[in-house]
Amino acid sequence: MIPHAELVLFQHNVDTFWTHTLASFRDKGGTVACEAGCHHCCKVYATCSESEADLLAEYVCRDPDRERVVTAAVDAYLERLKASRHDAGCDGSEDQDTLIGLHFGFDLRCPFLDEDDRCRAYIVRPYGCRTHWAANSPDACAAAAMVQKIQP
């Protein structure tokens, strides 16, 4: 497992890289759709490393109110995921690729999103979340999510 100090430094370097990359993209006339409150990417199947999960847990548990809210959100998410898999006819024998493909159609929000669609753990979000961005309008992201629901 990566020590937290090294992971935080890595996360900072990733953020710095994307800040510069996206600024250059904009300078060349590109449009970046992502902004605070945009949550279209927060419905995709996301993974994190053991080190990232440990850092997330430590961050969440530092504040009892945040721990209570996030724990309830994760529990609700897991119940919705279980129900969605049941409704899709999953019997537990599916491989990981099948489950990931099905996940796109489940329309499940990340349990770290608050009621304003902002990440409760933004500062320690995993690498997969840090590197999602779209060069479209938010409407295009919403349309892509709809297509994934229709045809995962």
N, C-alpha and C. Protein backbone atom coordinates (compact mmCIF):
# COMPACT_ATOMS: atom_id res chain seq x y z
N MET A 1 0.84 -1.18 0.00
CA MET A 1 0.00 0.00 0.00
C MET A 1 0.89 1.25 0.00
N ILE A 2 0.47 2.26 -0.73
CA ILE A 2 1.24 3.50 -0.84
C ILE A 2 1.00 4.33 0.42
N PRO A 3 2.06 4.85 1.05
CA PRO A 3 1.86 5.74 2.20
C PRO A 3 1.05 6.97 1.79
N HIS A 4 0.23 7.47 2.70
CA HIS A 4 -0.66 8.59 2.37
C HIS A 4 0.07 9.80 1.82
N ALA A 5 1.22 10.14 2.39
CA ALA A 5 1.96 11.33 1.92
C ALA A 5 2.35 11.18 0.46
N GLU A 6 2.78 9.99 0.07
CA GLU A 6 3.15 9.76 -1.33
C GLU A 6 1.93 9.78 -2.24
N LEU A 7 0.81 9.24 -1.77
CA LEU A 7 -0.41 9.23 -2.56
C LEU A 7 -0.93 10.65 -2.76
N VAL A 8 -0.90 11.46 -1.71
CA VAL A 8 -1.37 12.84 -1.81
C VAL A 8 -0.48 13.62 -2.78
N LEU A 9 0.82 13.39 -2.73
CA LEU A 9 1.73 14.04 -3.68
C LEU A 9 1.41 13.60 -5.11
N PHE A 10 1.17 12.31 -5.30
CA PHE A 10 0.79 11.80 -6.62
C PHE A 10 -0.50 12.47 -7.09
N GLN A 11 -1.50 12.56 -6.21
CA GLN A 11 -2.77 13.19 -6.58
C GLN A 11 -2.55 14.65 -6.97
N HIS A 12 -1.71 15.34 -6.23
CA HIS A 12 -1.40 16.73 -6.55
C HIS A 12 -0.75 16.83 -7.94
N ASN A 13 0.17 15.92 -8.21
CA ASN A 13 0.84 15.93 -9.53
C ASN A 13 -0.14 15.65 -10.66
N VAL A 14 -1.08 14.72 -10.43
CA VAL A 14 -2.12 14.43 -11.43
C VAL A 14 -2.97 15.67 -11.66
N ASP A 15 -3.39 16.31 -10.58
CA ASP A 15 -4.21 17.53 -10.70
C ASP A 15 -3.46 18.63 -11.45
N THR A 16 -2.18 18.81 -11.13
CA THR A 16 -1.36 19.82 -11.80
C THR A 16 -1.25 19.52 -13.29
N PHE A 17 -0.99 18.26 -13.62
CA PHE A 17 -0.91 17.85 -15.02
C PHE A 17 -2.20 18.20 -15.76
N TRP A 18 -3.36 17.82 -15.17
CA TRP A 18 -4.63 18.07 -15.86
C TRP A 18 -4.97 19.55 -15.91
N THR A 19 -4.59 20.30 -14.91
CA THR A 19 -4.82 21.75 -14.94
C THR A 19 -4.09 22.37 -16.13
N HIS A 20 -2.82 22.00 -16.30
CA HIS A 20 -2.03 22.53 -17.42
C HIS A 20 -2.52 21.99 -18.76
N THR A 21 -2.84 20.72 -18.82
CA THR A 21 -3.32 20.11 -20.06
C THR A 21 -4.62 20.76 -20.52
N LEU A 22 -5.56 20.92 -19.59
CA LEU A 22 -6.85 21.50 -19.96
C LEU A 22 -6.72 22.98 -20.30
N ALA A 23 -5.83 23.71 -19.62
CA ALA A 23 -5.59 25.12 -19.96
C ALA A 23 -5.03 25.22 -21.38
N SER A 24 -4.11 24.35 -21.73
CA SER A 24 -3.55 24.34 -23.08
C SER A 24 -4.63 24.00 -24.11
N PHE A 25 -5.46 23.03 -23.77
CA PHE A 25 -6.56 22.64 -24.65
C PHE A 25 -7.50 23.82 -24.89
N ARG A 26 -7.83 24.56 -23.82
CA ARG A 26 -8.69 25.74 -23.96
C ARG A 26 -8.00 26.83 -24.78
N ASP A 27 -6.69 27.04 -24.53
CA ASP A 27 -5.94 28.05 -25.27
C ASP A 27 -5.94 27.78 -26.77
N LYS A 28 -6.07 26.53 -27.15
CA LYS A 28 -6.08 26.15 -28.56
C LYS A 28 -7.50 26.10 -29.12
N GLY A 29 -8.47 26.64 -28.34
CA GLY A 29 -9.84 26.72 -28.83
C GLY A 29 -10.74 25.59 -28.38
N GLY A 30 -10.22 24.67 -27.60
CA GLY A 30 -11.04 23.55 -27.12
C GLY A 30 -12.00 23.98 -26.03
N THR A 31 -13.04 23.22 -25.88
CA THR A 31 -14.03 23.49 -24.84
C THR A 31 -14.06 22.31 -23.88
N VAL A 32 -14.00 22.61 -22.60
CA VAL A 32 -14.10 21.59 -21.56
C VAL A 32 -15.44 21.80 -20.86
N ALA A 33 -16.25 20.75 -20.88
CA ALA A 33 -17.61 20.86 -20.35
C ALA A 33 -17.67 20.78 -18.83
N CYS A 34 -16.69 20.17 -18.22
CA CYS A 34 -16.74 19.89 -16.79
C CYS A 34 -16.62 21.16 -15.95
N GLU A 35 -17.43 21.22 -14.91
CA GLU A 35 -17.38 22.32 -13.95
C GLU A 35 -18.00 21.84 -12.65
N ALA A 36 -17.83 22.62 -11.62
CA ALA A 36 -18.38 22.25 -10.32
C ALA A 36 -19.88 21.99 -10.44
N GLY A 37 -20.32 20.87 -9.89
CA GLY A 37 -21.73 20.52 -9.93
C GLY A 37 -22.09 19.59 -11.08
N CYS A 38 -21.21 19.49 -12.09
CA CYS A 38 -21.44 18.54 -13.17
C CYS A 38 -21.16 17.15 -12.62
N HIS A 39 -22.07 16.23 -12.84
CA HIS A 39 -21.92 14.91 -12.23
C HIS A 39 -22.18 13.75 -13.20
N HIS A 40 -22.15 14.04 -14.49
CA HIS A 40 -22.44 12.98 -15.46
C HIS A 40 -21.44 11.83 -15.37
N CYS A 41 -20.17 12.14 -15.15
CA CYS A 41 -19.16 11.08 -15.02
C CYS A 41 -19.31 10.31 -13.71
N CYS A 42 -20.03 10.88 -12.77
CA CYS A 42 -20.17 10.26 -11.44
C CYS A 42 -21.22 9.16 -11.42
N LYS A 43 -21.60 8.68 -12.61
CA LYS A 43 -22.52 7.55 -12.71
C LYS A 43 -21.85 6.36 -13.39
N VAL A 44 -20.59 6.53 -13.77
CA VAL A 44 -19.89 5.43 -14.42
C VAL A 44 -19.32 4.49 -13.36
N TYR A 45 -19.00 3.29 -13.77
CA TYR A 45 -18.38 2.32 -12.88
C TYR A 45 -16.97 2.79 -12.59
N ALA A 46 -16.66 3.06 -11.36
CA ALA A 46 -15.34 3.57 -10.99
C ALA A 46 -14.68 2.63 -10.00
N THR A 47 -13.39 2.56 -10.09
CA THR A 47 -12.62 1.74 -9.16
C THR A 47 -11.58 2.61 -8.48
N CYS A 48 -11.02 2.10 -7.42
CA CYS A 48 -9.91 2.79 -6.78
C CYS A 48 -8.98 1.75 -6.18
N SER A 49 -7.76 2.16 -5.97
CA SER A 49 -6.77 1.25 -5.39
C SER A 49 -7.04 1.10 -3.89
N GLU A 50 -6.39 0.11 -3.30
CA GLU A 50 -6.51 -0.08 -1.85
C GLU A 50 -6.01 1.16 -1.11
N SER A 51 -4.93 1.76 -1.59
CA SER A 51 -4.39 2.97 -0.95
C SER A 51 -5.38 4.12 -1.04
N GLU A 52 -6.02 4.27 -2.21
CA GLU A 52 -7.01 5.33 -2.37
C GLU A 52 -8.22 5.09 -1.47
N ALA A 53 -8.66 3.84 -1.37
CA ALA A 53 -9.79 3.50 -0.50
C ALA A 53 -9.44 3.79 0.96
N ASP A 54 -8.22 3.49 1.36
CA ASP A 54 -7.79 3.76 2.72
C ASP A 54 -7.77 5.26 3.00
N LEU A 55 -7.27 6.04 2.05
CA LEU A 55 -7.24 7.50 2.21
C LEU A 55 -8.67 8.07 2.25
N LEU A 56 -9.54 7.56 1.38
CA LEU A 56 -10.94 7.99 1.40
C LEU A 56 -11.58 7.70 2.76
N ALA A 57 -11.37 6.49 3.27
CA ALA A 57 -11.95 6.10 4.56
C ALA A 57 -11.43 6.99 5.68
N GLU A 58 -10.12 7.24 5.67
CA GLU A 58 -9.55 8.09 6.72
C GLU A 58 -10.15 9.49 6.66
N TYR A 59 -10.28 10.04 5.44
CA TYR A 59 -10.86 11.37 5.26
C TYR A 59 -12.31 11.41 5.73
N VAL A 60 -13.08 10.43 5.33
CA VAL A 60 -14.50 10.39 5.69
C VAL A 60 -14.66 10.28 7.20
N CYS A 61 -13.86 9.44 7.82
CA CYS A 61 -14.00 9.17 9.26
C CYS A 61 -13.45 10.28 10.15
N ARG A 62 -12.76 11.25 9.58
CA ARG A 62 -12.24 12.37 10.38
C ARG A 62 -13.36 13.25 10.91
N ASP A 63 -14.49 13.26 10.25
CA ASP A 63 -15.62 14.11 10.64
C ASP A 63 -16.83 13.21 10.88
N PRO A 64 -17.31 13.15 12.13
CA PRO A 64 -18.42 12.23 12.45
C PRO A 64 -19.68 12.48 11.61
N ASP A 65 -19.98 13.74 11.32
CA ASP A 65 -21.16 14.03 10.49
C ASP A 65 -20.95 13.52 9.07
N ARG A 66 -19.77 13.76 8.51
CA ARG A 66 -19.48 13.29 7.16
C ARG A 66 -19.50 11.76 7.14
N GLU A 67 -18.96 11.13 8.18
CA GLU A 67 -18.94 9.67 8.25
C GLU A 67 -20.37 9.12 8.26
N ARG A 68 -21.24 9.74 9.03
CA ARG A 68 -22.63 9.28 9.12
C ARG A 68 -23.33 9.42 7.77
N VAL A 69 -23.17 10.57 7.13
CA VAL A 69 -23.84 10.84 5.86
C VAL A 69 -23.30 9.92 4.75
N VAL A 70 -21.98 9.79 4.66
CA VAL A 70 -21.38 8.96 3.60
C VAL A 70 -21.70 7.49 3.84
N THR A 71 -21.66 7.04 5.08
CA THR A 71 -22.00 5.65 5.37
C THR A 71 -23.43 5.34 4.95
N ALA A 72 -24.35 6.23 5.26
CA ALA A 72 -25.75 6.03 4.85
C ALA A 72 -25.86 6.04 3.32
N ALA A 73 -25.13 6.93 2.66
CA ALA A 73 -25.18 7.01 1.19
C ALA A 73 -24.60 5.75 0.56
N VAL A 74 -23.50 5.24 1.11
CA VAL A 74 -22.89 4.01 0.57
C VAL A 74 -23.83 2.83 0.79
N ASP A 75 -24.44 2.73 1.97
CA ASP A 75 -25.39 1.65 2.24
C ASP A 75 -26.56 1.69 1.26
N ALA A 76 -27.10 2.90 1.02
CA ALA A 76 -28.21 3.05 0.08
C ALA A 76 -27.77 2.69 -1.35
N TYR A 77 -26.57 3.10 -1.72
CA TYR A 77 -26.02 2.78 -3.03
C TYR A 77 -25.92 1.26 -3.21
N LEU A 78 -25.38 0.59 -2.21
CA LEU A 78 -25.23 -0.87 -2.31
C LEU A 78 -26.57 -1.58 -2.41
N GLU A 79 -27.58 -1.07 -1.72
CA GLU A 79 -28.93 -1.65 -1.82
C GLU A 79 -29.50 -1.44 -3.22
N ARG A 80 -29.32 -0.23 -3.78
CA ARG A 80 -29.81 0.05 -5.14
C ARG A 80 -29.05 -0.80 -6.16
N LEU A 81 -27.74 -0.96 -5.96
CA LEU A 81 -26.95 -1.79 -6.86
C LEU A 81 -27.43 -3.24 -6.81
N LYS A 82 -27.66 -3.74 -5.62
CA LYS A 82 -28.14 -5.12 -5.46
C LYS A 82 -29.50 -5.29 -6.15
N ALA A 83 -30.40 -4.34 -5.93
CA ALA A 83 -31.73 -4.40 -6.55
C ALA A 83 -31.63 -4.30 -8.08
N SER A 84 -30.77 -3.42 -8.57
CA SER A 84 -30.60 -3.26 -10.01
C SER A 84 -30.05 -4.53 -10.64
N ARG A 85 -29.09 -5.13 -9.97
CA ARG A 85 -28.53 -6.39 -10.50
C ARG A 85 -29.60 -7.48 -10.49
N HIS A 86 -30.40 -7.54 -9.44
CA HIS A 86 -31.48 -8.53 -9.36
C HIS A 86 -32.47 -8.31 -10.50
N ASP A 87 -32.88 -7.04 -10.69
CA ASP A 87 -33.84 -6.71 -11.74
C ASP A 87 -33.30 -7.04 -13.14
N ALA A 88 -31.96 -6.99 -13.28
CA ALA A 88 -31.33 -7.29 -14.57
C ALA A 88 -31.13 -8.79 -14.77
N GLY A 89 -31.52 -9.57 -13.77
CA GLY A 89 -31.41 -11.02 -13.89
C GLY A 89 -30.06 -11.59 -13.50
N CYS A 90 -29.25 -10.82 -12.83
CA CYS A 90 -27.94 -11.33 -12.40
C CYS A 90 -28.14 -12.38 -11.32
N ASP A 91 -27.35 -13.44 -11.43
CA ASP A 91 -27.46 -14.52 -10.44
C ASP A 91 -26.18 -14.73 -9.65
N GLY A 92 -25.18 -13.86 -9.87
CA GLY A 92 -23.93 -13.97 -9.15
C GLY A 92 -22.85 -14.69 -9.93
N SER A 93 -23.20 -15.26 -11.08
CA SER A 93 -22.21 -16.00 -11.86
C SER A 93 -21.58 -15.13 -12.95
N GLU A 94 -22.02 -13.89 -13.07
CA GLU A 94 -21.53 -13.00 -14.13
C GLU A 94 -20.06 -12.64 -13.90
N ASP A 95 -19.33 -12.47 -15.01
CA ASP A 95 -17.96 -12.01 -14.87
C ASP A 95 -17.94 -10.50 -14.67
N GLN A 96 -16.77 -9.99 -14.29
CA GLN A 96 -16.64 -8.57 -13.97
C GLN A 96 -17.00 -7.68 -15.16
N ASP A 97 -16.60 -8.06 -16.37
CA ASP A 97 -16.90 -7.26 -17.55
C ASP A 97 -18.41 -7.14 -17.77
N THR A 98 -19.14 -8.22 -17.55
CA THR A 98 -20.60 -8.18 -17.69
C THR A 98 -21.21 -7.24 -16.67
N LEU A 99 -20.75 -7.33 -15.43
CA LEU A 99 -21.29 -6.47 -14.37
C LEU A 99 -20.99 -5.00 -14.64
N ILE A 100 -19.79 -4.72 -15.14
CA ILE A 100 -19.43 -3.33 -15.46
C ILE A 100 -20.32 -2.82 -16.59
N GLY A 101 -20.52 -3.63 -17.62
CA GLY A 101 -21.39 -3.23 -18.72
C GLY A 101 -22.81 -2.96 -18.27
N LEU A 102 -23.33 -3.80 -17.40
CA LEU A 102 -24.68 -3.60 -16.87
C LEU A 102 -24.77 -2.33 -16.03
N HIS A 103 -23.71 -2.02 -15.32
CA HIS A 103 -23.71 -0.88 -14.40
C HIS A 103 -24.08 0.42 -15.10
N PHE A 104 -23.64 0.59 -16.35
CA PHE A 104 -23.93 1.82 -17.08
C PHE A 104 -25.43 2.05 -17.22
N GLY A 105 -26.20 1.01 -17.28
CA GLY A 105 -27.65 1.15 -17.43
C GLY A 105 -28.40 1.32 -16.14
N PHE A 106 -27.72 1.21 -15.01
CA PHE A 106 -28.41 1.25 -13.72
C PHE A 106 -28.71 2.66 -13.23
N ASP A 107 -28.06 3.68 -13.79
CA ASP A 107 -28.30 5.07 -13.41
C ASP A 107 -28.08 5.29 -11.90
N LEU A 108 -26.97 4.81 -11.40
CA LEU A 108 -26.63 4.95 -9.98
C LEU A 108 -25.65 6.10 -9.80
N ARG A 109 -26.00 7.02 -8.92
CA ARG A 109 -25.11 8.13 -8.60
C ARG A 109 -24.03 7.66 -7.63
N CYS A 110 -22.87 8.25 -7.73
CA CYS A 110 -21.81 7.95 -6.78
C CYS A 110 -22.28 8.32 -5.37
N PRO A 111 -22.06 7.47 -4.40
CA PRO A 111 -22.52 7.77 -3.04
C PRO A 111 -21.78 8.93 -2.39
N PHE A 112 -20.71 9.40 -3.00
CA PHE A 112 -19.99 10.55 -2.45
C PHE A 112 -20.59 11.89 -2.90
N LEU A 113 -21.54 11.86 -3.82
CA LEU A 113 -22.18 13.11 -4.25
C LEU A 113 -23.13 13.61 -3.18
N ASP A 114 -23.10 14.92 -2.93
CA ASP A 114 -24.06 15.50 -1.99
C ASP A 114 -25.33 15.90 -2.75
N GLU A 115 -26.26 16.55 -2.06
CA GLU A 115 -27.53 16.92 -2.69
C GLU A 115 -27.38 17.98 -3.77
N ASP A 116 -26.22 18.67 -3.81
CA ASP A 116 -25.95 19.66 -4.85
C ASP A 116 -25.05 19.09 -5.95
N ASP A 117 -24.90 17.76 -5.98
CA ASP A 117 -24.09 17.06 -6.96
C ASP A 117 -22.61 17.42 -6.89
N ARG A 118 -22.14 17.73 -5.70
CA ARG A 118 -20.72 18.00 -5.47
C ARG A 118 -20.14 16.84 -4.67
N CYS A 119 -18.90 16.52 -4.95
CA CYS A 119 -18.25 15.39 -4.30
C CYS A 119 -17.87 15.71 -2.86
N ARG A 120 -18.34 14.89 -1.95
CA ARG A 120 -18.02 15.07 -0.53
C ARG A 120 -16.56 14.74 -0.23
N ALA A 121 -15.91 14.04 -1.12
CA ALA A 121 -14.52 13.62 -0.91
C ALA A 121 -13.62 14.12 -2.04
N TYR A 122 -13.98 15.26 -2.62
CA TYR A 122 -13.29 15.77 -3.81
C TYR A 122 -11.77 15.85 -3.60
N ILE A 123 -11.36 16.32 -2.46
CA ILE A 123 -9.93 16.54 -2.21
C ILE A 123 -9.14 15.23 -2.21
N VAL A 124 -9.79 14.11 -1.91
CA VAL A 124 -9.11 12.81 -1.89
C VAL A 124 -9.71 11.83 -2.90
N ARG A 125 -10.41 12.35 -3.91
CA ARG A 125 -11.04 11.48 -4.91
C ARG A 125 -9.99 10.62 -5.60
N PRO A 126 -10.37 9.43 -6.01
CA PRO A 126 -9.43 8.50 -6.65
C PRO A 126 -8.96 8.99 -8.02
N TYR A 127 -7.90 8.36 -8.50
CA TYR A 127 -7.30 8.67 -9.79
C TYR A 127 -8.33 8.61 -10.91
N GLY A 128 -9.16 7.58 -10.92
CA GLY A 128 -10.17 7.45 -11.97
C GLY A 128 -11.10 8.65 -12.04
N CYS A 129 -11.44 9.21 -10.90
CA CYS A 129 -12.30 10.39 -10.87
C CYS A 129 -11.53 11.64 -11.29
N ARG A 130 -10.27 11.72 -10.90
CA ARG A 130 -9.44 12.89 -11.22
C ARG A 130 -9.21 13.03 -12.72
N THR A 131 -9.25 11.96 -13.45
CA THR A 131 -8.87 12.00 -14.86
C THR A 131 -10.06 11.96 -15.81
N HIS A 132 -11.28 12.03 -15.30
CA HIS A 132 -12.47 12.11 -16.16
C HIS A 132 -12.70 13.57 -16.54
N TRP A 133 -12.88 13.83 -17.81
CA TRP A 133 -13.30 15.14 -18.29
C TRP A 133 -13.87 14.96 -19.68
N ALA A 134 -14.61 15.94 -20.12
CA ALA A 134 -15.28 15.84 -21.42
C ALA A 134 -15.05 17.10 -22.24
N ALA A 135 -14.79 16.91 -23.52
CA ALA A 135 -14.61 18.02 -24.45
C ALA A 135 -15.89 18.25 -25.23
N ASN A 136 -17.00 18.28 -24.54
CA ASN A 136 -18.32 18.50 -25.13
C ASN A 136 -19.09 19.44 -24.22
N SER A 137 -20.34 19.63 -24.55
CA SER A 137 -21.21 20.35 -23.63
C SER A 137 -21.75 19.35 -22.62
N PRO A 138 -22.19 19.82 -21.44
CA PRO A 138 -22.80 18.90 -20.49
C PRO A 138 -24.00 18.17 -21.07
N ASP A 139 -24.70 18.81 -22.03
CA ASP A 139 -25.83 18.16 -22.67
C ASP A 139 -25.38 16.91 -23.42
N ALA A 140 -24.19 16.97 -24.03
CA ALA A 140 -23.67 15.80 -24.74
C ALA A 140 -23.37 14.67 -23.76
N CYS A 141 -22.86 15.03 -22.58
CA CYS A 141 -22.60 14.01 -21.56
C CYS A 141 -23.91 13.35 -21.13
N ALA A 142 -24.94 14.16 -20.93
CA ALA A 142 -26.24 13.63 -20.53
C ALA A 142 -26.80 12.71 -21.62
N ALA A 143 -26.64 13.12 -22.88
CA ALA A 143 -27.12 12.30 -23.99
C ALA A 143 -26.35 10.99 -24.05
N ALA A 144 -25.04 11.04 -23.82
CA ALA A 144 -24.23 9.82 -23.84
C ALA A 144 -24.67 8.88 -22.72
N ALA A 145 -24.99 9.44 -21.56
CA ALA A 145 -25.47 8.62 -20.45
C ALA A 145 -26.78 7.96 -20.83
N MET A 146 -27.65 8.68 -21.53
CA MET A 146 -28.93 8.12 -21.96
C MET A 146 -28.70 6.98 -22.95
N VAL A 147 -27.77 7.16 -23.89
CA VAL A 147 -27.46 6.10 -24.86
C VAL A 147 -26.95 4.88 -24.12
N GLN A 148 -26.11 5.08 -23.11
CA GLN A 148 -25.58 3.94 -22.36
C GLN A 148 -26.72 3.21 -21.64
N LYS A 149 -27.72 3.96 -21.17
CA LYS A 149 -28.86 3.31 -20.50
C LYS A 149 -29.64 2.46 -21.49
N ILE A 150 -29.81 2.96 -22.71
CA ILE A 150 -30.59 2.26 -23.71
C ILE A 150 -29.81 1.05 -24.23
N GLN A 151 -28.52 1.24 -24.46
CA GLN A 151 -27.71 0.18 -25.04
C GLN A 151 -26.35 0.14 -24.33
N PRO A 152 -26.26 -0.58 -23.20
CA PRO A 152 -25.01 -0.59 -22.44
C PRO A 152 -23.88 -1.24 -23.22
